[in-house]
């Protein structure tokens, strides 16, 4: 008779942050740096008229994502208690009362909307749409296969769009393609890693029960291919050749290596939390720097 594998539970290091702050998942706010994508691609990030509203967009997304994280953790409290790592989240661990979390979710949402609409009406619309979409995901669409991938990917895409609408920048078709398929790549990879990590325990997470690892592998592999192709077509379309070097085209190689490195982490089943990969994988960070240098020369040079 086959033995049932057990998952080793690792107690996380004690955080210095109080429970109410940890419940807003500040470590995951690193995802919100995607608001810089459109200004960087346009080569206008360091213009005051672009940088200031982009930074406000970053703050607004941190606030609204905190609201969503709180609501998700309230909704998923029982499932999180069965998860090897999510059981230590403040609400699941009983450190923060759900009633307090609901108040915090309302306050952070109100602050996000006020800041976003004050910065730019279109940014306010993006923030509001993001919140509605994510709440709809949490309450209604989380258990719908494919739809749940689209909803979470839309959250990444809206972050990338926010930096553009905050400062009135035009978003090219190449930017939207890279952002869209890059978002789907991240989300499908996250689900794949969660499935690999949980193994037989994946049944405790209803959002994973309808997927197979082969299907998710197909999704993130296809998304990565389209993302690299779209980025390459954008790079070859750039006219600037500082010092006679096509820097945008040069950036294709490290960009591809960074994607492949992240795909390697997905395949190992350790990309369930994208921010953890970004902060801990030194090789991925090196590829990112090697990509950022020629990209910066291409768009700002």
C-alpha atoms as a PDB file:
ATOM      1  CA  UNK A   1       0.000   0.000   0.000  1.00  0.00           C
ATOM      2  CA  UNK A   2       1.353   3.393  -0.968  1.00  0.00           C
ATOM      3  CA  UNK A   3       2.386   5.624   1.866  1.00  0.00           C
ATOM      4  CA  UNK A   4       0.855   9.076   2.163  1.00  0.00           C
ATOM      5  CA  UNK A   5       3.451  11.822   1.863  1.00  0.00           C
ATOM      6  CA  UNK A   6       3.380  14.468   4.538  1.00  0.00           C
ATOM      7  CA  UNK A   7       4.330  18.085   4.127  1.00  0.00           C
ATOM      8  CA  UNK A   8       6.890  19.458   6.537  1.00  0.00           C
ATOM      9  CA  UNK A   9       5.676  22.619   8.179  1.00  0.00           C
ATOM     10  CA  UNK A  10       8.306  25.272   8.706  1.00  0.00           C
ATOM     11  CA  UNK A  11       7.572  27.898  11.323  1.00  0.00           C
ATOM     12  CA  UNK A  12       8.469  31.302   9.854  1.00  0.00           C
ATOM     13  CA  UNK A  13      10.850  33.676  11.575  1.00  0.00           C
ATOM     14  CA  UNK A  14       9.132  35.943  14.065  1.00  0.00           C
ATOM     15  CA  UNK A  15       8.376  39.245  12.386  1.00  0.00           C
ATOM     16  CA  UNK A  16       8.921  42.573  14.108  1.00  0.00           C
ATOM     17  CA  UNK A  17       5.755  43.908  12.471  1.00  0.00           C
ATOM     18  CA  UNK A  18       2.497  43.780  14.440  1.00  0.00           C
ATOM     19  CA  UNK A  19      -0.268  41.456  13.260  1.00  0.00           C
ATOM     20  CA  UNK A  20      -2.341  44.230  11.647  1.00  0.00           C
ATOM     21  CA  UNK A  21       0.631  45.281   9.483  1.00  0.00           C
ATOM     22  CA  UNK A  22       1.556  41.712   8.510  1.00  0.00           C
ATOM     23  CA  UNK A  23      -2.050  41.054   7.515  1.00  0.00           C
ATOM     24  CA  UNK A  24      -1.676  43.627   4.733  1.00  0.00           C
ATOM     25  CA  UNK A  25       1.254  41.566   3.354  1.00  0.00           C
ATOM     26  CA  UNK A  26       3.747  44.415   2.787  1.00  0.00           C
ATOM     27  CA  UNK A  27       6.302  41.981   1.338  1.00  0.00           C
ATOM     28  CA  UNK A  28       3.937  41.326  -1.551  1.00  0.00           C
ATOM     29  CA  UNK A  29       3.760  45.013  -2.397  1.00  0.00           C
ATOM     30  CA  UNK A  30       6.886  44.458  -4.469  1.00  0.00           C
ATOM     31  CA  UNK A  31       4.485  43.392  -7.241  1.00  0.00           C
ATOM     32  CA  UNK A  32       3.320  46.985  -7.419  1.00  0.00           C
ATOM     33  CA  UNK A  33       6.618  48.121  -8.938  1.00  0.00           C
ATOM     34  CA  UNK A  34       4.937  47.021 -12.180  1.00  0.00           C
ATOM     35  CA  UNK A  35       3.402  50.512 -12.244  1.00  0.00           C
ATOM     36  CA  UNK A  36       6.855  51.682 -13.395  1.00  0.00           C
ATOM     37  CA  UNK A  37       6.676  49.528 -16.522  1.00  0.00           C
ATOM     38  CA  UNK A  38       4.840  51.925 -18.836  1.00  0.00           C
ATOM     39  CA  UNK A  39       6.900  55.042 -17.919  1.00  0.00           C
ATOM     40  CA  UNK A  40      10.125  53.036 -18.314  1.00  0.00           C
ATOM     41  CA  UNK A  41       9.061  51.626 -21.686  1.00  0.00           C
ATOM     42  CA  UNK A  42       8.205  55.144 -22.837  1.00  0.00           C
ATOM     43  CA  UNK A  43      11.588  56.462 -21.651  1.00  0.00           C
ATOM     44  CA  UNK A  44       9.930  59.159 -19.537  1.00  0.00           C
ATOM     45  CA  UNK A  45      10.152  57.827 -15.997  1.00  0.00           C
ATOM     46  CA  UNK A  46      12.444  60.596 -14.742  1.00  0.00           C
ATOM     47  CA  UNK A  47      10.281  63.461 -15.958  1.00  0.00           C
ATOM     48  CA  UNK A  48       8.649  65.083 -12.933  1.00  0.00           C
ATOM     49  CA  UNK A  49       5.241  65.155 -14.630  1.00  0.00           C
ATOM     50  CA  UNK A  50       5.468  61.373 -15.048  1.00  0.00           C
ATOM     51  CA  UNK A  51       7.466  60.242 -12.000  1.00  0.00           C
ATOM     52  CA  UNK A  52       5.296  61.935  -9.357  1.00  0.00           C
ATOM     53  CA  UNK A  53       1.921  60.510 -10.487  1.00  0.00           C
ATOM     54  CA  UNK A  54       3.578  57.129 -11.037  1.00  0.00           C
ATOM     55  CA  UNK A  55       4.770  57.086  -7.428  1.00  0.00           C
ATOM     56  CA  UNK A  56       1.282  58.012  -6.258  1.00  0.00           C
ATOM     57  CA  UNK A  57      -0.043  55.147  -8.380  1.00  0.00           C
ATOM     58  CA  UNK A  58       2.381  52.814  -6.583  1.00  0.00           C
ATOM     59  CA  UNK A  59       1.119  53.960  -3.170  1.00  0.00           C
ATOM     60  CA  UNK A  60      -2.513  53.662  -4.273  1.00  0.00           C
ATOM     61  CA  UNK A  61      -1.928  50.100  -5.472  1.00  0.00           C
ATOM     62  CA  UNK A  62      -0.224  49.196  -2.203  1.00  0.00           C
ATOM     63  CA  UNK A  63      -3.291  50.409  -0.335  1.00  0.00           C
ATOM     64  CA  UNK A  64      -5.874  48.732  -2.554  1.00  0.00           C
ATOM     65  CA  UNK A  65      -3.930  45.467  -2.677  1.00  0.00           C
ATOM     66  CA  UNK A  66      -3.768  45.541   1.140  1.00  0.00           C
ATOM     67  CA  UNK A  67      -7.563  45.778   1.137  1.00  0.00           C
ATOM     68  CA  UNK A  68      -7.823  42.771  -1.166  1.00  0.00           C
ATOM     69  CA  UNK A  69      -5.325  40.709   0.845  1.00  0.00           C
ATOM     70  CA  UNK A  70      -7.329  41.326   4.007  1.00  0.00           C
ATOM     71  CA  UNK A  71     -10.594  40.308   2.348  1.00  0.00           C
ATOM     72  CA  UNK A  72      -9.017  37.198   0.827  1.00  0.00           C
ATOM     73  CA  UNK A  73      -7.593  36.115   4.157  1.00  0.00           C
ATOM     74  CA  UNK A  74     -10.961  36.577   5.845  1.00  0.00           C
ATOM     75  CA  UNK A  75     -12.659  34.520   3.134  1.00  0.00           C
ATOM     76  CA  UNK A  76      -9.969  31.814   3.052  1.00  0.00           C
ATOM     77  CA  UNK A  77      -9.315  31.545   6.773  1.00  0.00           C
ATOM     78  CA  UNK A  78     -10.338  27.891   7.096  1.00  0.00           C
ATOM     79  CA  UNK A  79      -8.450  26.779   3.966  1.00  0.00           C
ATOM     80  CA  UNK A  80      -5.378  28.759   5.048  1.00  0.00           C
ATOM     81  CA  UNK A  81      -5.322  26.874   8.342  1.00  0.00           C
ATOM     82  CA  UNK A  82      -4.778  23.660   6.344  1.00  0.00           C
ATOM     83  CA  UNK A  83      -1.901  25.156   4.310  1.00  0.00           C
ATOM     84  CA  UNK A  84       1.723  24.524   5.409  1.00  0.00           C
ATOM     85  CA  UNK A  85       2.714  28.193   5.299  1.00  0.00           C
ATOM     86  CA  UNK A  86      -0.495  30.247   5.002  1.00  0.00           C
ATOM     87  CA  UNK A  87      -1.624  28.942   8.378  1.00  0.00           C
ATOM     88  CA  UNK A  88       0.740  31.494   9.934  1.00  0.00           C
ATOM     89  CA  UNK A  89      -1.012  34.491   8.401  1.00  0.00           C
ATOM     90  CA  UNK A  90      -2.389  36.712  11.202  1.00  0.00           C
ATOM     91  CA  UNK A  91      -6.093  36.050  10.578  1.00  0.00           C
ATOM     92  CA  UNK A  92      -5.665  32.290  10.107  1.00  0.00           C
ATOM     93  CA  UNK A  93      -3.417  32.143  13.175  1.00  0.00           C
ATOM     94  CA  UNK A  94      -5.969  34.006  15.304  1.00  0.00           C
ATOM     95  CA  UNK A  95      -3.719  37.036  15.831  1.00  0.00           C
ATOM     96  CA  UNK A  96      -6.114  39.432  14.115  1.00  0.00           C
ATOM     97  CA  UNK A  97      -9.894  39.348  14.498  1.00  0.00           C
ATOM     98  CA  UNK A  98     -11.876  39.243  11.228  1.00  0.00           C
ATOM     99  CA  UNK A  99     -13.986  42.204  12.401  1.00  0.00           C
ATOM    100  CA  UNK A 100     -10.844  44.339  12.719  1.00  0.00           C
ATOM    101  CA  UNK A 101      -9.641  43.108   9.336  1.00  0.00           C
ATOM    102  CA  UNK A 102     -12.930  44.183   7.695  1.00  0.00           C
ATOM    103  CA  UNK A 103     -12.499  47.711   9.093  1.00  0.00           C
ATOM    104  CA  UNK A 104      -8.901  47.831   7.855  1.00  0.00           C
ATOM    105  CA  UNK A 105      -9.999  46.637   4.400  1.00  0.00           C
ATOM    106  CA  UNK A 106     -12.551  49.456   4.188  1.00  0.00           C
ATOM    107  CA  UNK A 107     -10.087  52.108   5.357  1.00  0.00           C
ATOM    108  CA  UNK A 108      -7.320  51.072   2.956  1.00  0.00           C
ATOM    109  CA  UNK A 109      -9.807  50.933   0.055  1.00  0.00           C
ATOM    110  CA  UNK A 110     -11.102  54.426   0.818  1.00  0.00           C
ATOM    111  CA  UNK A 111      -7.558  55.795   1.065  1.00  0.00           C
ATOM    112  CA  UNK A 112      -6.577  54.129  -2.224  1.00  0.00           C
ATOM    113  CA  UNK A 113      -9.573  55.539  -4.103  1.00  0.00           C
ATOM    114  CA  UNK A 114      -9.131  59.051  -2.709  1.00  0.00           C
ATOM    115  CA  UNK A 115      -5.452  59.109  -3.619  1.00  0.00           C
ATOM    116  CA  UNK A 116      -6.017  57.591  -7.072  1.00  0.00           C
ATOM    117  CA  UNK A 117      -8.857  59.918  -8.125  1.00  0.00           C
ATOM    118  CA  UNK A 118      -6.901  62.895  -6.767  1.00  0.00           C
ATOM    119  CA  UNK A 119      -3.903  61.858  -8.903  1.00  0.00           C
ATOM    120  CA  UNK A 120      -5.841  61.185 -12.124  1.00  0.00           C
ATOM    121  CA  UNK A 121      -9.467  60.194 -12.792  1.00  0.00           C
ATOM    122  CA  UNK A 122      -8.350  57.319 -15.038  1.00  0.00           C
ATOM    123  CA  UNK A 123      -6.089  55.997 -12.296  1.00  0.00           C
ATOM    124  CA  UNK A 124      -9.049  56.087  -9.939  1.00  0.00           C
ATOM    125  CA  UNK A 125     -11.072  54.100 -12.469  1.00  0.00           C
ATOM    126  CA  UNK A 126      -8.272  51.505 -12.779  1.00  0.00           C
ATOM    127  CA  UNK A 127      -7.987  51.167  -8.989  1.00  0.00           C
ATOM    128  CA  UNK A 128     -11.764  50.815  -8.602  1.00  0.00           C
ATOM    129  CA  UNK A 129     -11.949  48.251 -11.407  1.00  0.00           C
ATOM    130  CA  UNK A 130      -9.050  46.320  -9.872  1.00  0.00           C
ATOM    131  CA  UNK A 131     -10.805  46.158  -6.506  1.00  0.00           C
ATOM    132  CA  UNK A 132     -14.144  45.068  -7.995  1.00  0.00           C
ATOM    133  CA  UNK A 133     -12.408  42.455 -10.133  1.00  0.00           C
ATOM    134  CA  UNK A 134     -10.416  41.017  -7.243  1.00  0.00           C
ATOM    135  CA  UNK A 135     -13.351  40.978  -4.847  1.00  0.00           C
ATOM    136  CA  UNK A 136     -15.404  39.251  -7.537  1.00  0.00           C
ATOM    137  CA  UNK A 137     -12.594  36.749  -7.864  1.00  0.00           C
ATOM    138  CA  UNK A 138     -12.491  36.133  -4.130  1.00  0.00           C
ATOM    139  CA  UNK A 139     -16.254  35.686  -3.765  1.00  0.00           C
ATOM    140  CA  UNK A 140     -17.401  34.206  -7.081  1.00  0.00           C
ATOM    141  CA  UNK A 141     -14.718  33.288  -9.616  1.00  0.00           C
ATOM    142  CA  UNK A 142     -11.950  31.718  -7.543  1.00  0.00           C
ATOM    143  CA  UNK A 143     -13.327  28.221  -8.131  1.00  0.00           C
ATOM    144  CA  UNK A 144     -13.855  28.620 -11.879  1.00  0.00           C
ATOM    145  CA  UNK A 145     -11.017  27.042 -13.911  1.00  0.00           C
ATOM    146  CA  UNK A 146      -9.310  29.323 -16.443  1.00  0.00           C
ATOM    147  CA  UNK A 147     -11.425  32.263 -15.254  1.00  0.00           C
ATOM    148  CA  UNK A 148      -9.458  32.364 -12.006  1.00  0.00           C
ATOM    149  CA  UNK A 149      -6.189  32.490 -13.965  1.00  0.00           C
ATOM    150  CA  UNK A 150      -7.547  35.371 -16.035  1.00  0.00           C
ATOM    151  CA  UNK A 151      -8.711  37.299 -12.972  1.00  0.00           C
ATOM    152  CA  UNK A 152      -5.379  37.076 -11.150  1.00  0.00           C
ATOM    153  CA  UNK A 153      -3.460  37.848 -14.355  1.00  0.00           C
ATOM    154  CA  UNK A 154      -5.676  40.900 -14.856  1.00  0.00           C
ATOM    155  CA  UNK A 155      -4.468  42.155 -11.491  1.00  0.00           C
ATOM    156  CA  UNK A 156      -0.853  42.125 -12.720  1.00  0.00           C
ATOM    157  CA  UNK A 157      -1.889  43.727 -16.022  1.00  0.00           C
ATOM    158  CA  UNK A 158      -3.785  46.547 -14.323  1.00  0.00           C
ATOM    159  CA  UNK A 159      -0.700  47.345 -12.258  1.00  0.00           C
ATOM    160  CA  UNK A 160       1.317  47.697 -15.471  1.00  0.00           C
ATOM    161  CA  UNK A 161      -1.379  49.874 -17.048  1.00  0.00           C
ATOM    162  CA  UNK A 162      -1.753  52.093 -13.962  1.00  0.00           C
ATOM    163  CA  UNK A 163       1.606  53.813 -14.386  1.00  0.00           C
ATOM    164  CA  UNK A 164       0.633  54.855 -17.904  1.00  0.00           C
ATOM    165  CA  UNK A 165      -2.851  56.156 -17.140  1.00  0.00           C
ATOM    166  CA  UNK A 166      -1.614  58.012 -14.029  1.00  0.00           C
ATOM    167  CA  UNK A 167       0.593  60.230 -16.195  1.00  0.00           C
ATOM    168  CA  UNK A 168      -1.380  60.143 -19.464  1.00  0.00           C
ATOM    169  CA  UNK A 169       1.075  57.994 -21.433  1.00  0.00           C
ATOM    170  CA  UNK A 170       0.039  56.078 -24.520  1.00  0.00           C
ATOM    171  CA  UNK A 171       0.358  52.301 -24.157  1.00  0.00           C
ATOM    172  CA  UNK A 172       1.697  50.527 -27.250  1.00  0.00           C
ATOM    173  CA  UNK A 173       0.346  47.205 -28.499  1.00  0.00           C
ATOM    174  CA  UNK A 174       3.714  45.580 -27.768  1.00  0.00           C
ATOM    175  CA  UNK A 175       3.642  46.800 -24.179  1.00  0.00           C
ATOM    176  CA  UNK A 176       0.137  45.433 -23.680  1.00  0.00           C
ATOM    177  CA  UNK A 177       1.083  42.070 -25.202  1.00  0.00           C
ATOM    178  CA  UNK A 178       4.192  41.687 -23.041  1.00  0.00           C
ATOM    179  CA  UNK A 179       2.290  42.786 -19.922  1.00  0.00           C
ATOM    180  CA  UNK A 180      -0.692  40.523 -20.649  1.00  0.00           C
ATOM    181  CA  UNK A 181       1.201  37.331 -21.378  1.00  0.00           C
ATOM    182  CA  UNK A 182       3.799  38.105 -18.727  1.00  0.00           C
ATOM    183  CA  UNK A 183       0.962  38.332 -16.202  1.00  0.00           C
ATOM    184  CA  UNK A 184      -0.491  35.015 -17.354  1.00  0.00           C
ATOM    185  CA  UNK A 185       2.985  33.454 -17.178  1.00  0.00           C
ATOM    186  CA  UNK A 186       3.380  34.567 -13.559  1.00  0.00           C
ATOM    187  CA  UNK A 187      -0.070  33.383 -12.491  1.00  0.00           C
ATOM    188  CA  UNK A 188       0.026  29.986 -14.222  1.00  0.00           C
ATOM    189  CA  UNK A 189       3.529  29.479 -12.804  1.00  0.00           C
ATOM    190  CA  UNK A 190       2.275  30.378  -9.338  1.00  0.00           C
ATOM    191  CA  UNK A 191      -0.560  27.847  -9.586  1.00  0.00           C
ATOM    192  CA  UNK A 192       1.801  25.176 -10.957  1.00  0.00           C
ATOM    193  CA  UNK A 193       4.235  25.720  -8.090  1.00  0.00           C
ATOM    194  CA  UNK A 194       1.428  25.571  -5.537  1.00  0.00           C
ATOM    195  CA  UNK A 195       0.245  22.294  -7.053  1.00  0.00           C
ATOM    196  CA  UNK A 196       3.756  20.821  -6.929  1.00  0.00           C
ATOM    197  CA  UNK A 197       4.346  22.103  -3.393  1.00  0.00           C
ATOM    198  CA  UNK A 198       1.093  20.773  -1.946  1.00  0.00           C
ATOM    199  CA  UNK A 199       1.012  17.448  -3.830  1.00  0.00           C
ATOM    200  CA  UNK A 200      -1.845  15.303  -2.517  1.00  0.00           C
ATOM    201  CA  UNK A 201      -2.772  18.116  -0.136  1.00  0.00           C
ATOM    202  CA  UNK A 202      -3.772  20.282  -3.111  1.00  0.00           C
ATOM    203  CA  UNK A 203      -7.306  19.016  -2.571  1.00  0.00           C
ATOM    204  CA  UNK A 204      -7.484  21.289   0.467  1.00  0.00           C
ATOM    205  CA  UNK A 205      -7.203  24.253  -1.896  1.00  0.00           C
ATOM    206  CA  UNK A 206     -10.257  24.207  -4.141  1.00  0.00           C
ATOM    207  CA  UNK A 207      -8.660  26.632  -6.577  1.00  0.00           C
ATOM    208  CA  UNK A 208      -6.083  23.952  -7.455  1.00  0.00           C
ATOM    209  CA  UNK A 209      -8.312  20.887  -7.513  1.00  0.00           C
ATOM    210  CA  UNK A 210      -9.482  21.446 -11.100  1.00  0.00           C
ATOM    211  CA  UNK A 211      -6.022  21.748 -12.650  1.00  0.00           C
ATOM    212  CA  UNK A 212      -3.375  19.226 -13.625  1.00  0.00           C
ATOM    213  CA  UNK A 213       0.316  20.024 -13.605  1.00  0.00           C
ATOM    214  CA  UNK A 214       0.514  19.246 -17.337  1.00  0.00           C
ATOM    215  CA  UNK A 215      -2.210  21.783 -18.167  1.00  0.00           C
ATOM    216  CA  UNK A 216      -0.636  24.532 -16.092  1.00  0.00           C
ATOM    217  CA  UNK A 217       2.752  23.742 -17.627  1.00  0.00           C
ATOM    218  CA  UNK A 218       1.209  24.235 -21.081  1.00  0.00           C
ATOM    219  CA  UNK A 219      -0.227  27.599 -20.029  1.00  0.00           C
ATOM    220  CA  UNK A 220       2.932  29.054 -18.517  1.00  0.00           C
ATOM    221  CA  UNK A 221       5.132  27.677 -21.310  1.00  0.00           C
ATOM    222  CA  UNK A 222       2.898  29.179 -24.019  1.00  0.00           C
ATOM    223  CA  UNK A 223       2.656  32.485 -22.154  1.00  0.00           C
ATOM    224  CA  UNK A 224       6.436  32.694 -21.775  1.00  0.00           C
ATOM    225  CA  UNK A 225       6.923  32.055 -25.493  1.00  0.00           C
ATOM    226  CA  UNK A 226       4.446  34.750 -26.548  1.00  0.00           C
ATOM    227  CA  UNK A 227       5.900  37.204 -24.026  1.00  0.00           C
ATOM    228  CA  UNK A 228       9.458  36.703 -25.310  1.00  0.00           C
ATOM    229  CA  UNK A 229       8.302  36.976 -28.929  1.00  0.00           C
ATOM    230  CA  UNK A 230       6.349  40.179 -28.248  1.00  0.00           C
ATOM    231  CA  UNK A 231       9.257  41.723 -26.357  1.00  0.00           C
ATOM    232  CA  UNK A 232      11.637  40.812 -29.172  1.00  0.00           C
ATOM    233  CA  UNK A 233       9.387  42.391 -31.806  1.00  0.00           C
ATOM    234  CA  UNK A 234       9.190  45.562 -29.693  1.00  0.00           C
ATOM    235  CA  UNK A 235      12.973  45.601 -29.270  1.00  0.00           C
ATOM    236  CA  UNK A 236      13.651  45.200 -33.000  1.00  0.00           C
ATOM    237  CA  UNK A 237      11.167  48.003 -33.688  1.00  0.00           C
ATOM    238  CA  UNK A 238      13.181  50.519 -31.663  1.00  0.00           C
ATOM    239  CA  UNK A 239      15.085  52.983 -33.832  1.00  0.00           C
ATOM    240  CA  UNK A 240      17.639  54.361 -31.350  1.00  0.00           C
ATOM    241  CA  UNK A 241      21.187  52.991 -31.826  1.00  0.00           C
ATOM    242  CA  UNK A 242      23.382  54.845 -29.339  1.00  0.00           C
ATOM    243  CA  UNK A 243      27.081  54.471 -30.292  1.00  0.00           C
ATOM    244  CA  UNK A 244      25.916  52.345 -33.208  1.00  0.00           C
ATOM    245  CA  UNK A 245      24.658  49.553 -30.923  1.00  0.00           C
ATOM    246  CA  UNK A 246      21.006  48.391 -31.067  1.00  0.00           C
ATOM    247  CA  UNK A 247      20.650  48.344 -27.280  1.00  0.00           C
ATOM    248  CA  UNK A 248      17.003  47.314 -27.259  1.00  0.00           C
ATOM    249  CA  UNK A 249      17.863  44.246 -29.340  1.00  0.00           C
ATOM    250  CA  UNK A 250      20.824  43.504 -27.042  1.00  0.00           C
ATOM    251  CA  UNK A 251      18.406  43.413 -24.100  1.00  0.00           C
ATOM    252  CA  UNK A 252      16.543  40.454 -25.632  1.00  0.00           C
ATOM    253  CA  UNK A 253      19.179  37.945 -24.526  1.00  0.00           C
ATOM    254  CA  UNK A 254      19.200  38.761 -20.777  1.00  0.00           C
ATOM    255  CA  UNK A 255      15.415  39.212 -20.859  1.00  0.00           C
ATOM    256  CA  UNK A 256      15.058  35.690 -22.252  1.00  0.00           C
ATOM    257  CA  UNK A 257      17.525  34.295 -19.708  1.00  0.00           C
ATOM    258  CA  UNK A 258      15.589  35.947 -16.873  1.00  0.00           C
ATOM    259  CA  UNK A 259      12.341  34.398 -18.115  1.00  0.00           C
ATOM    260  CA  UNK A 260      14.013  30.995 -18.429  1.00  0.00           C
ATOM    261  CA  UNK A 261      15.475  31.303 -14.938  1.00  0.00           C
ATOM    262  CA  UNK A 262      12.057  32.111 -13.507  1.00  0.00           C
ATOM    263  CA  UNK A 263      10.585  29.193 -15.495  1.00  0.00           C
ATOM    264  CA  UNK A 264      13.261  26.992 -13.895  1.00  0.00           C
ATOM    265  CA  UNK A 265      12.014  28.033 -10.464  1.00  0.00           C
ATOM    266  CA  UNK A 266       8.428  27.351 -11.512  1.00  0.00           C
ATOM    267  CA  UNK A 267       9.400  23.891 -12.719  1.00  0.00           C
ATOM    268  CA  UNK A 268      11.005  23.167  -9.336  1.00  0.00           C
ATOM    269  CA  UNK A 269       7.731  24.128  -7.664  1.00  0.00           C
ATOM    270  CA  UNK A 270       9.130  27.033  -5.641  1.00  0.00           C
ATOM    271  CA  UNK A 271       7.493  29.998  -7.406  1.00  0.00           C
ATOM    272  CA  UNK A 272       4.265  29.947  -5.427  1.00  0.00           C
ATOM    273  CA  UNK A 273       5.133  33.404  -4.109  1.00  0.00           C
ATOM    274  CA  UNK A 274       6.657  35.467  -6.984  1.00  0.00           C
ATOM    275  CA  UNK A 275       7.987  38.122  -4.616  1.00  0.00           C
ATOM    276  CA  UNK A 276      10.005  35.494  -2.722  1.00  0.00           C
ATOM    277  CA  UNK A 277      11.644  34.375  -5.958  1.00  0.00           C
ATOM    278  CA  UNK A 278      12.455  37.953  -6.932  1.00  0.00           C
ATOM    279  CA  UNK A 279      14.003  38.693  -3.543  1.00  0.00           C
ATOM    280  CA  UNK A 280      15.945  35.455  -3.046  1.00  0.00           C
ATOM    281  CA  UNK A 281      17.141  34.237  -6.458  1.00  0.00           C
ATOM    282  CA  UNK A 282      20.494  35.957  -7.005  1.00  0.00           C
ATOM    283  CA  UNK A 283      20.934  34.565 -10.505  1.00  0.00           C
ATOM    284  CA  UNK A 284      17.550  35.933 -11.521  1.00  0.00           C
ATOM    285  CA  UNK A 285      18.540  39.285 -10.028  1.00  0.00           C
ATOM    286  CA  UNK A 286      21.789  39.233 -12.032  1.00  0.00           C
ATOM    287  CA  UNK A 287      19.907  38.551 -15.274  1.00  0.00           C
ATOM    288  CA  UNK A 288      17.501  41.365 -14.389  1.00  0.00           C
ATOM    289  CA  UNK A 289      20.386  43.808 -13.974  1.00  0.00           C
ATOM    290  CA  UNK A 290      21.984  42.672 -17.238  1.00  0.00           C
ATOM    291  CA  UNK A 291      18.616  43.246 -18.916  1.00  0.00           C
ATOM    292  CA  UNK A 292      17.992  46.620 -17.263  1.00  0.00           C
ATOM    293  CA  UNK A 293      21.316  48.135 -18.389  1.00  0.00           C
ATOM    294  CA  UNK A 294      20.850  47.887 -22.179  1.00  0.00           C
ATOM    295  CA  UNK A 295      17.131  48.605 -21.795  1.00  0.00           C
ATOM    296  CA  UNK A 296      17.868  51.812 -19.901  1.00  0.00           C
ATOM    297  CA  UNK A 297      20.397  52.880 -22.528  1.00  0.00           C
ATOM    298  CA  UNK A 298      17.854  52.123 -25.279  1.00  0.00           C
ATOM    299  CA  UNK A 299      14.933  54.052 -23.811  1.00  0.00           C
ATOM    300  CA  UNK A 300      16.741  56.844 -21.954  1.00  0.00           C
ATOM    301  CA  UNK A 301      19.900  57.215 -24.058  1.00  0.00           C
END
